[in-house]
């Protein structure tokens, strides 16, 4: 795997953000939109996850307008997992998914095309190795695209996703992280696709903690975006601080976009990752061969650590641009 490059001669990396906003999804989108030198957001595809699809597509448009980017096309995708009922997380994100700040309803339109069709068409329209997919929620849209158009797999440059866990185990069941648990069949398809995958599991995202000082830095920006981010993370953290007894809430999804901008902030291992799809006890578990005790071929770069101070410095700097 070749990490993204940055510098004066770097062409911004073309990405599609696949998301189920979610406060941390919103911050990940804002980080991408605040980094046009490194990232070109071609479009945003919404999927059911943290809240139902009607809210995730609305929330994606709210975030684009908050960032002053109503030109970013937003598409609605799959409203349920491939083979099981939808599980949502209003207990974490609130009834809207973006509880915390008071943000107006979007005026920018939702695109008429289905997100999966948009994804397929966009990948086909670009040269091989030029589109990176950035899933921040369940992998239903991406797995559906791969099922409908298997040939796109060889054209995707990389998938950088938030999902899974190893040492940190689970946050929705004792063994499973939420994004993978919601649609383990979709995750299984994606991890078996042969695409270069980088995953941001709970092992790394739980090191990206929004402490009081870091949240104060967002608010001190004094901008509508900075204040909204502070309010989002304050709402979001109440659940995690109680659950984990930590000093703040982990900002899961911004790790994806931060990796695209500053890959040197992160470290991990290229290992085999399999998805449990059969067991009721461990459904959605990401079985990572961290210690390489099997002969299964590596299929994902499993990120395990990050420079948290560098991560929050980057995040605060880019939020300040919006």
Protein backbone atom coordinates (compact mmCIF):
# COMPACT_ATOMS: atom_id res chain seq x y z
CA UNK A 1 0.00 0.00 0.00
CA UNK A 2 1.24 3.47 -0.92
CA UNK A 3 0.05 6.17 1.49
CA UNK A 4 -1.33 9.40 0.04
CA UNK A 5 1.26 12.06 -0.72
CA UNK A 6 1.11 15.72 0.13
CA UNK A 7 3.11 18.73 -1.00
CA UNK A 8 3.12 21.54 -3.54
CA UNK A 9 2.90 19.14 -6.49
CA UNK A 10 0.17 16.99 -4.97
CA UNK A 11 -3.10 16.75 -6.89
CA UNK A 12 -6.08 16.66 -4.50
CA UNK A 13 -7.31 13.13 -3.94
CA UNK A 14 -10.75 12.50 -5.45
CA UNK A 15 -13.06 10.93 -2.89
CA UNK A 16 -16.66 9.88 -2.41
CA UNK A 17 -17.78 10.08 1.22
CA UNK A 18 -20.32 7.38 2.12
CA UNK A 19 -21.91 8.33 5.41
CA UNK A 20 -24.71 8.11 7.99
CA UNK A 21 -24.39 11.43 9.89
CA UNK A 22 -23.94 11.29 13.03
CA UNK A 23 -22.01 14.07 14.76
CA UNK A 24 -18.62 12.49 14.16
CA UNK A 25 -19.54 11.88 10.51
CA UNK A 26 -20.36 15.59 10.28
CA UNK A 27 -16.94 16.54 11.64
CA UNK A 28 -15.28 14.15 9.16
CA UNK A 29 -17.14 15.81 6.28
CA UNK A 30 -16.20 19.28 7.54
CA UNK A 31 -12.54 18.25 7.77
CA UNK A 32 -12.65 17.07 4.16
CA UNK A 33 -14.37 20.24 2.92
CA UNK A 34 -11.85 22.35 4.81
CA UNK A 35 -8.93 20.62 3.05
CA UNK A 36 -9.33 21.32 -0.69
CA UNK A 37 -5.57 21.24 -1.18
CA UNK A 38 -5.49 17.54 -0.34
CA UNK A 39 -9.05 16.31 -0.91
CA UNK A 40 -11.60 16.85 -3.67
CA UNK A 41 -15.01 15.70 -2.50
CA UNK A 42 -16.80 14.54 -5.66
CA UNK A 43 -20.01 13.68 -3.86
CA UNK A 44 -21.56 12.42 -0.65
CA UNK A 45 -23.65 9.26 -0.53
CA UNK A 46 -25.95 8.64 2.42
CA UNK A 47 -26.77 5.26 3.93
CA UNK A 48 -29.00 4.16 6.78
CA UNK A 49 -27.05 3.61 9.99
CA UNK A 50 -26.82 5.93 12.97
CA UNK A 51 -30.35 7.07 12.05
CA UNK A 52 -32.67 6.09 9.18
CA UNK A 53 -31.91 7.16 5.62
CA UNK A 54 -34.41 10.03 5.59
CA UNK A 55 -32.34 11.67 8.32
CA UNK A 56 -28.84 10.73 7.13
CA UNK A 57 -29.37 12.25 3.67
CA UNK A 58 -30.88 15.36 5.27
CA UNK A 59 -28.00 15.62 7.75
CA UNK A 60 -25.41 15.33 4.97
CA UNK A 61 -27.00 18.32 3.25
CA UNK A 62 -27.17 20.27 6.51
CA UNK A 63 -23.43 19.76 6.98
CA UNK A 64 -22.62 20.84 3.42
CA UNK A 65 -24.59 24.04 3.92
CA UNK A 66 -22.93 24.63 7.30
CA UNK A 67 -19.60 24.46 5.48
CA UNK A 68 -20.78 26.86 2.79
CA UNK A 69 -20.65 24.10 0.16
CA UNK A 70 -24.17 23.59 -1.21
CA UNK A 71 -22.49 22.68 -4.51
CA UNK A 72 -21.51 19.25 -3.16
CA UNK A 73 -24.01 16.73 -4.57
CA UNK A 74 -25.67 14.48 -1.99
CA UNK A 75 -27.30 11.19 -2.95
CA UNK A 76 -29.55 8.88 -0.93
CA UNK A 77 -28.63 5.21 -0.99
CA UNK A 78 -29.72 2.01 0.72
CA UNK A 79 -32.29 2.32 3.49
CA UNK A 80 -31.61 -1.06 5.10
CA UNK A 81 -28.84 -3.66 5.41
CA UNK A 82 -28.48 -6.43 2.86
CA UNK A 83 -29.96 -9.25 4.90
CA UNK A 84 -31.24 -8.12 8.28
CA UNK A 85 -33.30 -5.38 9.95
CA UNK A 86 -31.75 -1.96 10.43
CA UNK A 87 -30.18 -1.21 13.82
CA UNK A 88 -29.79 2.50 14.61
CA UNK A 89 -28.01 4.53 17.30
CA UNK A 90 -30.26 7.35 18.43
CA UNK A 91 -29.16 6.52 21.98
CA UNK A 92 -25.76 7.93 21.02
CA UNK A 93 -26.51 10.59 18.40
CA UNK A 94 -29.98 11.78 19.45
CA UNK A 95 -33.24 11.54 17.55
CA UNK A 96 -32.00 13.61 14.59
CA UNK A 97 -28.49 12.15 14.44
CA UNK A 98 -27.09 15.68 14.72
CA UNK A 99 -28.43 16.64 18.13
CA UNK A 100 -26.46 19.39 19.87
CA UNK A 101 -26.42 22.48 17.67
CA UNK A 102 -29.55 24.08 16.29
CA UNK A 103 -29.03 23.96 12.52
CA UNK A 104 -31.56 24.96 9.85
CA UNK A 105 -33.14 22.49 7.49
CA UNK A 106 -31.23 22.30 4.20
CA UNK A 107 -32.36 24.17 1.12
CA UNK A 108 -29.95 22.48 -1.30
CA UNK A 109 -31.60 19.64 -3.24
CA UNK A 110 -31.14 15.94 -2.76
CA UNK A 111 -29.93 14.45 -6.05
CA UNK A 112 -32.47 12.25 -7.84
CA UNK A 113 -30.00 9.49 -8.73
CA UNK A 114 -29.61 6.60 -6.30
CA UNK A 115 -26.31 6.71 -4.42
CA UNK A 116 -25.24 3.27 -5.63
CA UNK A 117 -25.81 4.21 -9.27
CA UNK A 118 -23.92 7.46 -8.75
CA UNK A 119 -21.02 5.57 -7.20
CA UNK A 120 -20.85 3.07 -10.06
CA UNK A 121 -21.15 5.74 -12.76
CA UNK A 122 -18.52 7.97 -11.16
CA UNK A 123 -15.97 5.20 -10.74
CA UNK A 124 -16.52 4.05 -14.32
CA UNK A 125 -16.14 7.59 -15.63
CA UNK A 126 -12.70 8.07 -14.07
CA UNK A 127 -9.37 6.45 -14.81
CA UNK A 128 -8.43 3.44 -12.71
CA UNK A 129 -6.81 4.34 -9.42
CA UNK A 130 -8.23 7.84 -9.13
CA UNK A 131 -11.28 7.40 -6.85
CA UNK A 132 -11.03 6.70 -3.12
CA UNK A 133 -14.15 5.57 -1.26
CA UNK A 134 -14.49 6.83 2.31
CA UNK A 135 -17.21 4.91 4.20
CA UNK A 136 -18.08 6.39 7.60
CA UNK A 137 -21.05 4.12 8.29
CA UNK A 138 -22.36 0.66 7.40
CA UNK A 139 -20.97 -0.66 4.12
CA UNK A 140 -24.32 -1.36 2.45
CA UNK A 141 -23.99 1.14 -0.40
CA UNK A 142 -20.49 0.04 -1.31
CA UNK A 143 -21.25 -3.68 -1.13
CA UNK A 144 -24.35 -3.15 -3.29
CA UNK A 145 -22.27 -1.28 -5.86
CA UNK A 146 -19.74 -4.11 -5.93
CA UNK A 147 -22.52 -6.66 -6.37
CA UNK A 148 -24.14 -4.74 -9.23
CA UNK A 149 -20.88 -3.81 -10.97
CA UNK A 150 -18.04 -6.13 -9.91
CA UNK A 151 -15.69 -4.54 -12.45
CA UNK A 152 -15.45 -1.31 -10.46
CA UNK A 153 -13.33 -3.05 -7.80
CA UNK A 154 -10.22 -2.93 -9.99
CA UNK A 155 -10.74 0.79 -10.65
CA UNK A 156 -11.04 1.96 -7.03
CA UNK A 157 -7.79 3.41 -5.73
CA UNK A 158 -8.48 2.62 -2.09
CA UNK A 159 -11.19 2.27 0.54
CA UNK A 160 -10.44 4.13 3.77
CA UNK A 161 -13.16 3.27 6.26
CA UNK A 162 -14.14 3.66 9.89
CA UNK A 163 -15.17 0.34 11.37
CA UNK A 164 -14.20 -2.71 13.33
CA UNK A 165 -12.04 -3.37 16.36
CA UNK A 166 -9.51 -5.83 17.72
CA UNK A 167 -8.13 -5.09 21.17
CA UNK A 168 -11.02 -2.69 21.89
CA UNK A 169 -13.51 -5.41 20.80
CA UNK A 170 -17.08 -4.04 20.51
CA UNK A 171 -19.17 -0.95 21.19
CA UNK A 172 -22.65 -2.18 20.17
CA UNK A 173 -22.23 -5.82 21.24
CA UNK A 174 -19.44 -7.39 23.33
CA UNK A 175 -17.60 -8.29 20.12
CA UNK A 176 -18.74 -5.96 17.34
CA UNK A 177 -18.27 -2.32 16.36
CA UNK A 178 -21.47 -0.58 15.24
CA UNK A 179 -20.76 0.08 11.54
CA UNK A 180 -19.78 -3.52 10.86
CA UNK A 181 -22.51 -4.98 13.06
CA UNK A 182 -25.30 -3.09 11.27
CA UNK A 183 -24.47 -4.86 7.99
CA UNK A 184 -21.91 -7.64 8.43
CA UNK A 185 -22.83 -9.22 5.09
CA UNK A 186 -21.94 -5.96 3.32
CA UNK A 187 -18.67 -5.72 5.24
CA UNK A 188 -17.81 -9.29 4.24
CA UNK A 189 -18.31 -8.41 0.57
CA UNK A 190 -16.13 -5.32 0.85
CA UNK A 191 -13.30 -7.03 2.71
CA UNK A 192 -13.26 -9.84 0.14
CA UNK A 193 -13.30 -7.43 -2.83
CA UNK A 194 -9.54 -7.28 -3.34
CA UNK A 195 -9.59 -3.47 -3.04
CA UNK A 196 -6.79 -1.87 -1.01
CA UNK A 197 -8.46 -1.23 2.36
CA UNK A 198 -7.35 0.97 5.25
CA UNK A 199 -9.52 0.63 8.34
CA UNK A 200 -9.86 2.95 11.31
CA UNK A 201 -11.07 0.64 14.09
CA UNK A 202 -12.03 1.53 17.65
CA UNK A 203 -8.43 0.74 18.58
CA UNK A 204 -7.30 4.02 17.00
CA UNK A 205 -10.47 6.13 17.22
CA UNK A 206 -10.62 5.69 21.00
CA UNK A 207 -7.28 7.52 21.10
CA UNK A 208 -8.81 10.55 19.34
CA UNK A 209 -10.56 11.86 22.44
CA UNK A 210 -12.25 15.26 22.51
CA UNK A 211 -11.13 16.56 25.89
CA UNK A 212 -12.50 19.79 27.36
CA UNK A 213 -9.44 21.71 26.18
CA UNK A 214 -9.76 20.38 22.63
CA UNK A 215 -13.46 21.22 22.55
CA UNK A 216 -12.73 24.70 23.89
CA UNK A 217 -10.37 25.18 20.95
CA UNK A 218 -13.23 24.50 18.52
CA UNK A 219 -15.51 26.96 20.31
CA UNK A 220 -12.77 29.59 20.54
CA UNK A 221 -12.68 29.78 16.74
CA UNK A 222 -15.80 31.88 17.13
CA UNK A 223 -17.18 30.83 13.76
CA UNK A 224 -20.55 29.16 13.11
CA UNK A 225 -18.73 25.98 12.10
CA UNK A 226 -16.39 25.98 15.10
CA UNK A 227 -19.25 26.57 17.53
CA UNK A 228 -21.41 23.90 15.88
CA UNK A 229 -18.57 21.36 16.09
CA UNK A 230 -18.13 22.16 19.79
CA UNK A 231 -21.86 21.67 20.37
CA UNK A 232 -21.91 18.43 18.42
CA UNK A 233 -19.02 16.92 20.33
CA UNK A 234 -20.44 18.05 23.67
CA UNK A 235 -23.67 16.22 22.92
CA UNK A 236 -21.89 13.19 21.51
CA UNK A 237 -19.50 12.85 24.44
CA UNK A 238 -22.12 12.46 27.15
CA UNK A 239 -22.76 8.85 26.12
CA UNK A 240 -19.13 7.80 25.71
CA UNK A 241 -17.87 9.46 28.89
CA UNK A 242 -20.50 7.60 30.90
CA UNK A 243 -19.91 4.32 29.06
CA UNK A 244 -16.11 4.27 29.04
CA UNK A 245 -15.25 6.58 31.93
CA UNK A 246 -12.96 8.47 29.55
CA UNK A 247 -11.94 12.12 29.53
CA UNK A 248 -13.94 12.76 26.38
CA UNK A 249 -15.66 11.23 23.38
CA UNK A 250 -13.74 9.47 20.61
CA UNK A 251 -14.01 11.22 17.25
CA UNK A 252 -14.25 8.08 15.15
CA UNK A 253 -14.99 9.18 11.61
CA UNK A 254 -12.65 12.18 11.24
CA UNK A 255 -9.79 9.68 11.48
CA UNK A 256 -10.68 8.66 7.92
CA UNK A 257 -10.30 12.11 6.42
CA UNK A 258 -7.32 12.97 8.63
CA UNK A 259 -5.53 9.91 7.24
CA UNK A 260 -6.00 11.19 3.70
CA UNK A 261 -4.45 14.54 4.68
CA UNK A 262 -1.73 13.47 7.14
CA UNK A 263 -1.09 9.72 6.88
CA UNK A 264 2.06 10.13 8.93
CA UNK A 265 -0.14 10.75 12.00
CA UNK A 266 -1.21 7.09 11.89
CA UNK A 267 0.43 3.67 12.19
CA UNK A 268 -0.80 0.12 11.84
CA UNK A 269 -0.27 -3.28 10.26
CA UNK A 270 -1.26 -4.90 6.97
CA UNK A 271 -3.09 -8.03 8.15
CA UNK A 272 -5.93 -10.35 7.30
CA UNK A 273 -9.37 -9.24 8.49
CA UNK A 274 -12.39 -11.52 8.27
CA UNK A 275 -15.98 -10.60 9.13
CA UNK A 276 -18.16 -12.88 11.26
CA UNK A 277 -21.53 -13.24 9.53
CA UNK A 278 -22.99 -16.43 11.02
CA UNK A 279 -22.68 -16.47 14.79
CA UNK A 280 -25.38 -14.70 16.81
CA UNK A 281 -22.87 -14.41 19.64
CA UNK A 282 -20.15 -12.64 17.65
CA UNK A 283 -22.04 -11.31 14.63
CA UNK A 284 -20.18 -8.41 13.01
CA UNK A 285 -16.88 -9.13 14.74
CA UNK A 286 -13.80 -8.10 12.76
CA UNK A 287 -11.41 -11.01 13.23
CA UNK A 288 -8.04 -9.36 12.64
CA UNK A 289 -4.96 -11.57 12.42
CA UNK A 290 -2.87 -8.92 14.20
CA UNK A 291 -0.22 -11.41 15.30
CA UNK A 292 -0.20 -13.18 11.90
CA UNK A 293 -0.97 -16.58 13.39
CA UNK A 294 -2.81 -17.83 10.29
CA UNK A 295 -1.79 -18.23 6.67
CA UNK A 296 -4.69 -16.07 5.47
CA UNK A 297 -3.50 -13.38 3.07
CA UNK A 298 -3.48 -9.78 4.36
CA UNK A 299 -6.38 -7.78 2.95
CA UNK A 300 -6.45 -4.57 5.03
CA UNK A 301 -4.20 -2.10 6.77
CA UNK A 302 -5.47 -2.12 10.34
CA UNK A 303 -4.60 1.20 11.99
CA UNK A 304 -3.76 0.90 15.67
CA UNK A 305 -2.30 4.22 16.79
CA UNK A 306 -2.26 7.94 16.03
CA UNK A 307 -0.65 11.18 17.12
CA UNK A 308 -3.67 12.60 18.94
CA UNK A 309 -2.23 16.07 19.42
CA UNK A 310 -1.32 16.27 15.76
CA UNK A 311 -4.76 15.01 14.81
CA UNK A 312 -6.57 17.70 16.82
CA UNK A 313 -4.20 20.42 15.65
CA UNK A 314 -5.04 19.49 12.06
CA UNK A 315 -8.75 19.29 12.79
CA UNK A 316 -8.87 22.66 14.51
CA UNK A 317 -6.82 24.32 11.74
CA UNK A 318 -9.08 23.00 8.98
CA UNK A 319 -12.36 23.73 10.81
CA UNK A 320 -11.09 27.31 11.16
CA UNK A 321 -10.99 27.61 7.36
CA UNK A 322 -14.74 27.07 6.95
